[in-house]
Amino acid sequence: MSSPANDSNAAASPPSWREVVLITGISGSGKSVALHALEDAGYFCVDNLPPELIESFVALEHARSTARLAIAADVRSARSLPHLLPAMDKLREAGVTVRSVFLDASTDTLVRRFSETRRRHPLSEQSSAGGDAHHALIEAIELERELLSELRQISSVVDTSELRTAQLRSWIRNLVQAPAAKLTLVFESFAFKHGVPLDADYVFDVRVLPNPHYVRELRPQTGRDADVVDYLEAQPEVPEMVAQIEAFIRRWLPAFEQDQRSYLTVAIGCTGGQHRSVYCVEQLARRFQARGTTLIRHRELDARDASA
């Protein structure tokens, strides 16, 4: 899939075609990283724009023939948040393609990140925990989740708890490159020992399947390698599990499309996120590829590749 910055067809699009990506989410979840990724991909980006100014800003940039905009908005403009969803609706009514990406992370991860950077949470002054800084931070995070809950429900959620910076950049680029008119299926493998992804709509546990980890020759390989694929497909319960997950998704996918969902994330987990879950994700993505846009994420494998 080509990057918008390098896509000659996109560059030749008429000025009347417009797209706005809204980057929002919990403080400390990586919004700055996501915004920089979009800037590198050819979007004109602005951070912390008050929701009341979004419509006029988009109109101004449209007059300048700017086709792709990315706007970061969050609780730093807490008093203006009630204006955000109506502003997005008005843009859609005006023919603007609007995508909302919500970045999230576990509370433990957020507390650690704030401790490492020594930055104050934007809602810390509204916390009632007195002089206990740790509890004040947790209360501020929970208050932020409450304030942004409605926005989270209508957005594509990305859990950044276990993501490296390079992973997040890549995932954001993949999300915005997917066609906006039809529901995008996201298949994600993960390791249960590192926690269930917060962005998952469905979670399937494949730890009951035979584990290639216990075969010495297969241990260093992954579910994308031919030897591991051959081993798993030789186990009768593996194709059966994949087929049943496929049947479940096909049964309910039309309902999600009718609900006007933009993304559906199916997470497949095993113990280490290297063999069984990776294999299942690859197989399911291949089976659904013909129906439209399908994205593949391997949380643990992508992290390993990003650090290599």
Protein backbone atom coordinates (compact mmCIF):
# COMPACT_ATOMS: atom_id res chain seq x y z
CA MET A 1 0.00 0.00 0.00
CA SER A 2 1.57 3.29 -1.02
CA SER A 3 2.15 6.22 1.30
CA PRO A 4 0.05 9.36 0.64
CA ALA A 5 3.28 11.34 0.38
CA ASN A 6 4.45 9.18 -2.54
CA ASP A 7 1.11 8.43 -4.19
CA SER A 8 1.03 10.30 -7.51
CA ASN A 9 -2.70 9.65 -7.94
CA ALA A 10 -3.40 11.20 -4.55
CA ALA A 11 -1.23 14.19 -5.39
CA ALA A 12 -3.29 14.74 -8.55
CA SER A 13 -6.63 14.68 -6.69
CA PRO A 14 -8.75 17.78 -7.21
CA PRO A 15 -8.82 20.33 -4.36
CA SER A 16 -12.50 19.51 -3.76
CA TRP A 17 -11.45 16.17 -2.26
CA ARG A 18 -10.68 16.69 1.40
CA GLU A 19 -9.72 14.47 4.31
CA VAL A 20 -9.35 15.23 8.00
CA VAL A 21 -7.76 12.80 10.44
CA LEU A 22 -8.59 13.52 14.06
CA ILE A 23 -5.92 12.23 16.44
CA THR A 24 -7.20 12.04 19.97
CA GLY A 25 -6.94 9.85 23.03
CA ILE A 26 -5.54 9.58 26.52
CA SER A 27 -2.67 11.85 27.55
CA GLY A 28 0.62 9.97 27.34
CA SER A 29 -0.66 7.48 24.76
CA GLY A 30 1.49 8.74 21.87
CA LYS A 31 -0.51 11.43 20.07
CA SER A 32 2.61 13.45 19.25
CA VAL A 33 4.22 10.40 17.65
CA ALA A 34 1.07 9.76 15.60
CA LEU A 35 0.89 13.37 14.47
CA HIS A 36 4.53 13.33 13.37
CA ALA A 37 3.88 10.12 11.41
CA LEU A 38 1.04 11.80 9.53
CA GLU A 39 3.18 14.86 8.87
CA ASP A 40 5.82 12.61 7.33
CA ALA A 41 3.07 11.02 5.22
CA GLY A 42 2.11 14.35 3.66
CA TYR A 43 -0.60 15.65 6.00
CA PHE A 44 -0.74 19.25 7.17
CA CYS A 45 -0.83 18.85 10.95
CA VAL A 46 -1.91 21.05 13.84
CA ASP A 47 -1.84 20.15 17.52
CA ASN A 48 -4.30 21.15 20.26
CA LEU A 49 -6.66 23.06 18.00
CA PRO A 50 -9.77 24.17 19.96
CA PRO A 51 -12.83 22.32 18.57
CA GLU A 52 -14.64 25.62 17.98
CA LEU A 53 -12.00 26.53 15.38
CA ILE A 54 -11.95 23.25 13.45
CA GLU A 55 -14.57 24.17 10.83
CA SER A 56 -13.02 27.53 10.01
CA PHE A 57 -9.52 26.02 9.96
CA VAL A 58 -10.59 23.30 7.52
CA ALA A 59 -12.31 25.90 5.32
CA LEU A 60 -9.16 28.05 5.32
CA GLU A 61 -6.91 25.15 4.34
CA HIS A 62 -9.39 24.03 1.68
CA ALA A 63 -9.17 27.49 0.15
CA ARG A 64 -5.40 26.95 0.05
CA SER A 65 -5.97 23.62 -1.75
CA THR A 66 -4.74 21.57 1.21
CA ALA A 67 -6.34 18.14 0.73
CA ARG A 68 -5.10 16.25 3.78
CA LEU A 69 -5.28 17.61 7.32
CA ALA A 70 -4.51 16.03 10.67
CA ILE A 71 -5.74 17.61 13.88
CA ALA A 72 -4.87 16.58 17.41
CA ALA A 73 -7.50 17.37 20.03
CA ASP A 74 -7.79 16.14 23.60
CA VAL A 75 -8.54 17.19 27.19
CA ARG A 76 -6.11 20.08 26.98
CA SER A 77 -9.20 21.77 25.54
CA ALA A 78 -11.49 20.11 28.08
CA ARG A 79 -14.04 22.94 28.18
CA SER A 80 -14.42 22.76 24.41
CA LEU A 81 -14.81 18.97 24.10
CA PRO A 82 -18.63 19.12 23.76
CA HIS A 83 -18.08 21.01 20.47
CA LEU A 84 -15.81 18.33 18.97
CA LEU A 85 -18.32 15.70 17.80
CA PRO A 86 -20.75 18.28 16.32
CA ALA A 87 -17.83 19.86 14.45
CA MET A 88 -16.89 16.47 12.98
CA ASP A 89 -20.51 15.87 11.92
CA LYS A 90 -20.67 19.23 10.16
CA LEU A 91 -17.50 18.46 8.25
CA ARG A 92 -18.95 15.15 7.07
CA GLU A 93 -22.14 16.91 5.97
CA ALA A 94 -19.95 19.26 3.93
CA GLY A 95 -18.41 16.30 2.10
CA VAL A 96 -15.19 16.03 4.08
CA THR A 97 -13.85 12.53 4.78
CA VAL A 98 -13.31 12.41 8.54
CA ARG A 99 -11.35 9.69 10.32
CA SER A 100 -11.05 9.60 14.08
CA VAL A 101 -8.14 7.67 15.63
CA PHE A 102 -8.18 7.24 19.40
CA LEU A 103 -4.93 6.30 21.13
CA ASP A 104 -5.20 4.46 24.42
CA ALA A 105 -2.93 2.67 26.89
CA SER A 106 -3.26 0.82 30.16
CA THR A 107 -3.27 2.92 33.33
CA ASP A 108 -0.06 1.26 34.56
CA THR A 109 1.67 2.16 31.28
CA LEU A 110 0.47 5.76 31.45
CA VAL A 111 1.61 6.16 35.06
CA ARG A 112 5.05 4.83 34.13
CA ARG A 113 5.33 7.18 31.14
CA PHE A 114 4.37 10.23 33.19
CA SER A 115 6.86 9.21 35.87
CA GLU A 116 9.64 8.82 33.29
CA THR A 117 8.98 12.17 31.59
CA ARG A 118 8.03 13.99 34.83
CA ARG A 119 5.32 15.83 32.97
CA ARG A 120 2.08 16.87 34.66
CA HIS A 121 -1.20 15.39 33.51
CA PRO A 122 -3.42 18.14 32.01
CA LEU A 123 -6.21 17.25 34.46
CA SER A 124 -4.00 16.84 37.52
CA GLU A 125 -5.33 20.02 39.14
CA GLN A 126 -8.87 18.60 39.00
CA SER A 127 -7.86 15.49 40.95
CA SER A 128 -9.07 15.23 44.55
CA ALA A 129 -6.28 13.04 45.87
CA GLY A 130 -4.55 15.80 47.80
CA GLY A 131 -0.81 15.47 48.24
CA ASP A 132 -0.50 11.86 47.00
CA ALA A 133 0.94 12.38 43.53
CA HIS A 134 0.52 8.72 42.48
CA HIS A 135 -3.18 8.58 43.33
CA ALA A 136 -3.72 12.06 41.92
CA LEU A 137 -2.32 10.90 38.57
CA ILE A 138 -4.50 7.78 38.51
CA GLU A 139 -7.60 9.84 39.31
CA ALA A 140 -6.72 12.28 36.54
CA ILE A 141 -6.35 9.43 34.04
CA GLU A 142 -9.70 7.93 35.03
CA LEU A 143 -11.38 11.33 34.76
CA GLU A 144 -9.88 11.73 31.30
CA ARG A 145 -11.23 8.32 30.24
CA GLU A 146 -14.68 9.41 31.36
CA LEU A 147 -14.53 12.70 29.48
CA LEU A 148 -13.37 11.02 26.26
CA SER A 149 -15.54 7.88 26.43
CA GLU A 150 -18.05 9.05 23.82
CA LEU A 151 -15.28 10.01 21.41
CA ARG A 152 -13.59 6.64 21.93
CA GLN A 153 -16.75 4.80 20.90
CA ILE A 154 -16.85 6.36 17.43
CA SER A 155 -13.11 6.10 16.74
CA SER A 156 -10.64 3.52 15.57
CA VAL A 157 -8.82 2.63 18.80
CA VAL A 158 -5.09 1.85 18.93
CA ASP A 159 -3.68 0.42 22.15
CA THR A 160 -0.13 1.75 22.49
CA SER A 161 0.68 0.03 25.81
CA GLU A 162 3.12 -2.44 24.25
CA LEU A 163 4.06 -0.49 21.13
CA ARG A 164 7.42 0.96 20.28
CA THR A 165 7.55 4.35 18.57
CA ALA A 166 8.35 2.84 15.15
CA GLN A 167 5.41 0.43 15.50
CA LEU A 168 2.96 3.21 16.27
CA ARG A 169 4.14 5.25 13.31
CA SER A 170 3.66 2.26 11.00
CA TRP A 171 0.23 1.38 12.37
CA ILE A 172 -1.02 4.96 12.04
CA ARG A 173 0.14 5.15 8.42
CA ASN A 174 -1.62 1.86 7.64
CA LEU A 175 -4.86 3.07 9.21
CA VAL A 176 -5.09 6.31 7.27
CA GLN A 177 -4.10 4.69 3.97
CA ALA A 178 -7.05 2.28 4.17
CA PRO A 179 -10.10 3.35 2.11
CA ALA A 180 -12.58 5.20 4.30
CA ALA A 181 -15.80 4.18 2.53
CA LYS A 182 -15.90 0.58 3.76
CA LEU A 183 -15.29 -1.21 7.03
CA THR A 184 -11.63 -2.15 7.50
CA LEU A 185 -10.86 -5.48 9.15
CA VAL A 186 -7.83 -5.50 11.43
CA PHE A 187 -6.35 -8.84 12.51
CA GLU A 188 -3.87 -8.55 15.37
CA SER A 189 -1.75 -11.23 17.03
CA PHE A 190 -0.57 -10.77 20.60
CA ALA A 191 0.89 -12.54 23.63
CA PHE A 192 -1.39 -13.00 26.63
CA LYS A 193 1.61 -12.62 28.93
CA HIS A 194 1.84 -8.97 27.83
CA GLY A 195 -1.88 -8.31 28.19
CA VAL A 196 -4.94 -8.21 25.93
CA PRO A 197 -4.98 -5.26 23.46
CA LEU A 198 -7.34 -2.50 24.57
CA ASP A 199 -8.32 -1.84 20.96
CA ALA A 200 -9.73 -5.35 20.34
CA ASP A 201 -13.40 -5.70 19.41
CA TYR A 202 -13.14 -9.50 19.56
CA VAL A 203 -10.51 -11.61 21.33
CA PHE A 204 -9.86 -15.28 20.50
CA ASP A 205 -7.63 -17.45 22.65
CA VAL A 206 -5.66 -20.06 20.65
CA ARG A 207 -3.47 -21.26 23.52
CA VAL A 208 -5.34 -24.59 23.44
CA LEU A 209 -3.70 -25.40 20.09
CA PRO A 210 -0.45 -27.43 19.86
CA ASN A 211 2.50 -25.15 20.53
CA PRO A 212 5.46 -25.13 18.08
CA HIS A 213 7.55 -23.60 20.86
CA TYR A 214 8.12 -27.09 22.23
CA VAL A 215 9.64 -28.29 18.95
CA ARG A 216 13.31 -27.31 19.09
CA GLU A 217 13.67 -26.61 15.36
CA LEU A 218 10.54 -24.45 15.30
CA ARG A 219 11.13 -22.44 18.47
CA PRO A 220 13.12 -19.59 16.83
CA GLN A 221 10.73 -19.37 13.87
CA THR A 222 7.35 -17.63 13.64
CA GLY A 223 3.87 -18.39 12.37
CA ARG A 224 4.84 -16.89 9.03
CA ASP A 225 7.57 -19.45 8.38
CA ALA A 226 6.79 -22.46 6.18
CA ASP A 227 7.97 -25.06 8.70
CA VAL A 228 5.71 -23.69 11.41
CA VAL A 229 2.81 -23.43 8.96
CA ASP A 230 3.28 -27.08 7.94
CA TYR A 231 3.44 -28.18 11.58
CA LEU A 232 0.27 -26.34 12.58
CA GLU A 233 -1.71 -27.39 9.53
CA ALA A 234 -0.84 -31.01 10.28
CA GLN A 235 -2.74 -30.69 13.60
CA PRO A 236 -6.46 -31.28 12.91
CA GLU A 237 -7.67 -28.84 15.56
CA VAL A 238 -5.76 -25.89 14.07
CA PRO A 239 -7.64 -25.63 10.73
CA GLU A 240 -10.86 -26.30 12.67
CA MET A 241 -10.20 -23.37 15.02
CA VAL A 242 -9.38 -21.02 12.14
CA ALA A 243 -12.49 -22.10 10.24
CA GLN A 244 -14.73 -21.51 13.26
CA ILE A 245 -13.30 -18.03 13.87
CA GLU A 246 -13.78 -17.25 10.17
CA ALA A 247 -17.39 -18.43 10.29
CA PHE A 248 -18.11 -16.29 13.35
CA ILE A 249 -16.69 -13.15 11.76
CA ARG A 250 -18.52 -13.73 8.47
CA ARG A 251 -21.77 -14.20 10.35
CA TRP A 252 -21.54 -10.87 12.19
CA LEU A 253 -19.54 -8.72 9.80
CA PRO A 254 -22.63 -7.43 7.92
CA ALA A 255 -24.06 -6.18 11.21
CA PHE A 256 -20.93 -4.14 11.89
CA GLU A 257 -21.04 -2.73 8.36
CA GLN A 258 -24.69 -1.74 8.80
CA ASP A 259 -23.72 -0.06 12.07
CA GLN A 260 -21.42 2.18 9.98
CA ARG A 261 -18.30 1.04 11.78
CA SER A 262 -15.04 2.09 10.16
CA TYR A 263 -12.83 -0.57 11.75
CA LEU A 264 -13.28 -3.98 13.35
CA THR A 265 -10.27 -5.32 15.25
CA VAL A 266 -10.02 -9.07 15.82
CA ALA A 267 -7.25 -10.00 18.24
CA ILE A 268 -5.83 -13.53 18.33
CA GLY A 269 -3.72 -14.40 21.35
CA CYS A 270 -1.34 -17.17 22.33
CA THR A 271 1.33 -17.46 25.01
CA GLY A 272 4.24 -15.69 23.31
CA GLY A 273 2.63 -14.04 20.29
CA GLN A 274 5.09 -15.72 17.93
CA HIS A 275 3.66 -18.94 16.49
CA ARG A 276 -0.02 -19.87 16.83
CA SER A 277 -1.57 -16.40 16.97
CA VAL A 278 0.63 -15.18 14.13
CA TYR A 279 -0.35 -18.14 11.96
CA CYS A 280 -4.07 -17.65 12.65
CA VAL A 281 -3.90 -13.92 11.87
CA GLU A 282 -2.11 -14.56 8.58
CA GLN A 283 -4.64 -17.21 7.57
CA LEU A 284 -7.70 -15.15 8.50
CA ALA A 285 -6.39 -12.03 6.77
CA ARG A 286 -5.83 -14.07 3.60
CA ARG A 287 -9.38 -15.46 3.73
CA PHE A 288 -10.98 -12.03 4.15
CA GLN A 289 -8.75 -10.15 1.74
CA ALA A 290 -11.21 -10.44 -1.14
CA ARG A 291 -13.99 -8.64 0.75
CA GLY A 292 -12.09 -5.36 1.12
CA THR A 293 -9.37 -3.67 3.09
CA THR A 294 -7.71 -5.98 5.61
CA LEU A 295 -4.82 -4.97 7.86
CA ILE A 296 -2.39 -7.25 9.70
CA ARG A 297 -0.74 -6.41 13.00
CA HIS A 298 1.66 -8.60 14.95
CA ARG A 299 2.14 -6.78 18.23
CA GLU A 300 5.04 -8.81 19.59
CA LEU A 301 6.70 -9.57 16.24
CA ASP A 302 6.44 -5.94 15.11
CA ALA A 303 8.05 -4.85 18.37
CA ARG A 304 10.92 -7.26 17.81
CA ASP A 305 11.38 -6.07 14.23
CA ALA A 306 11.27 -2.42 15.34
CA SER A 307 14.08 -3.00 17.84
CA ALA A 308 16.26 -4.97 15.40
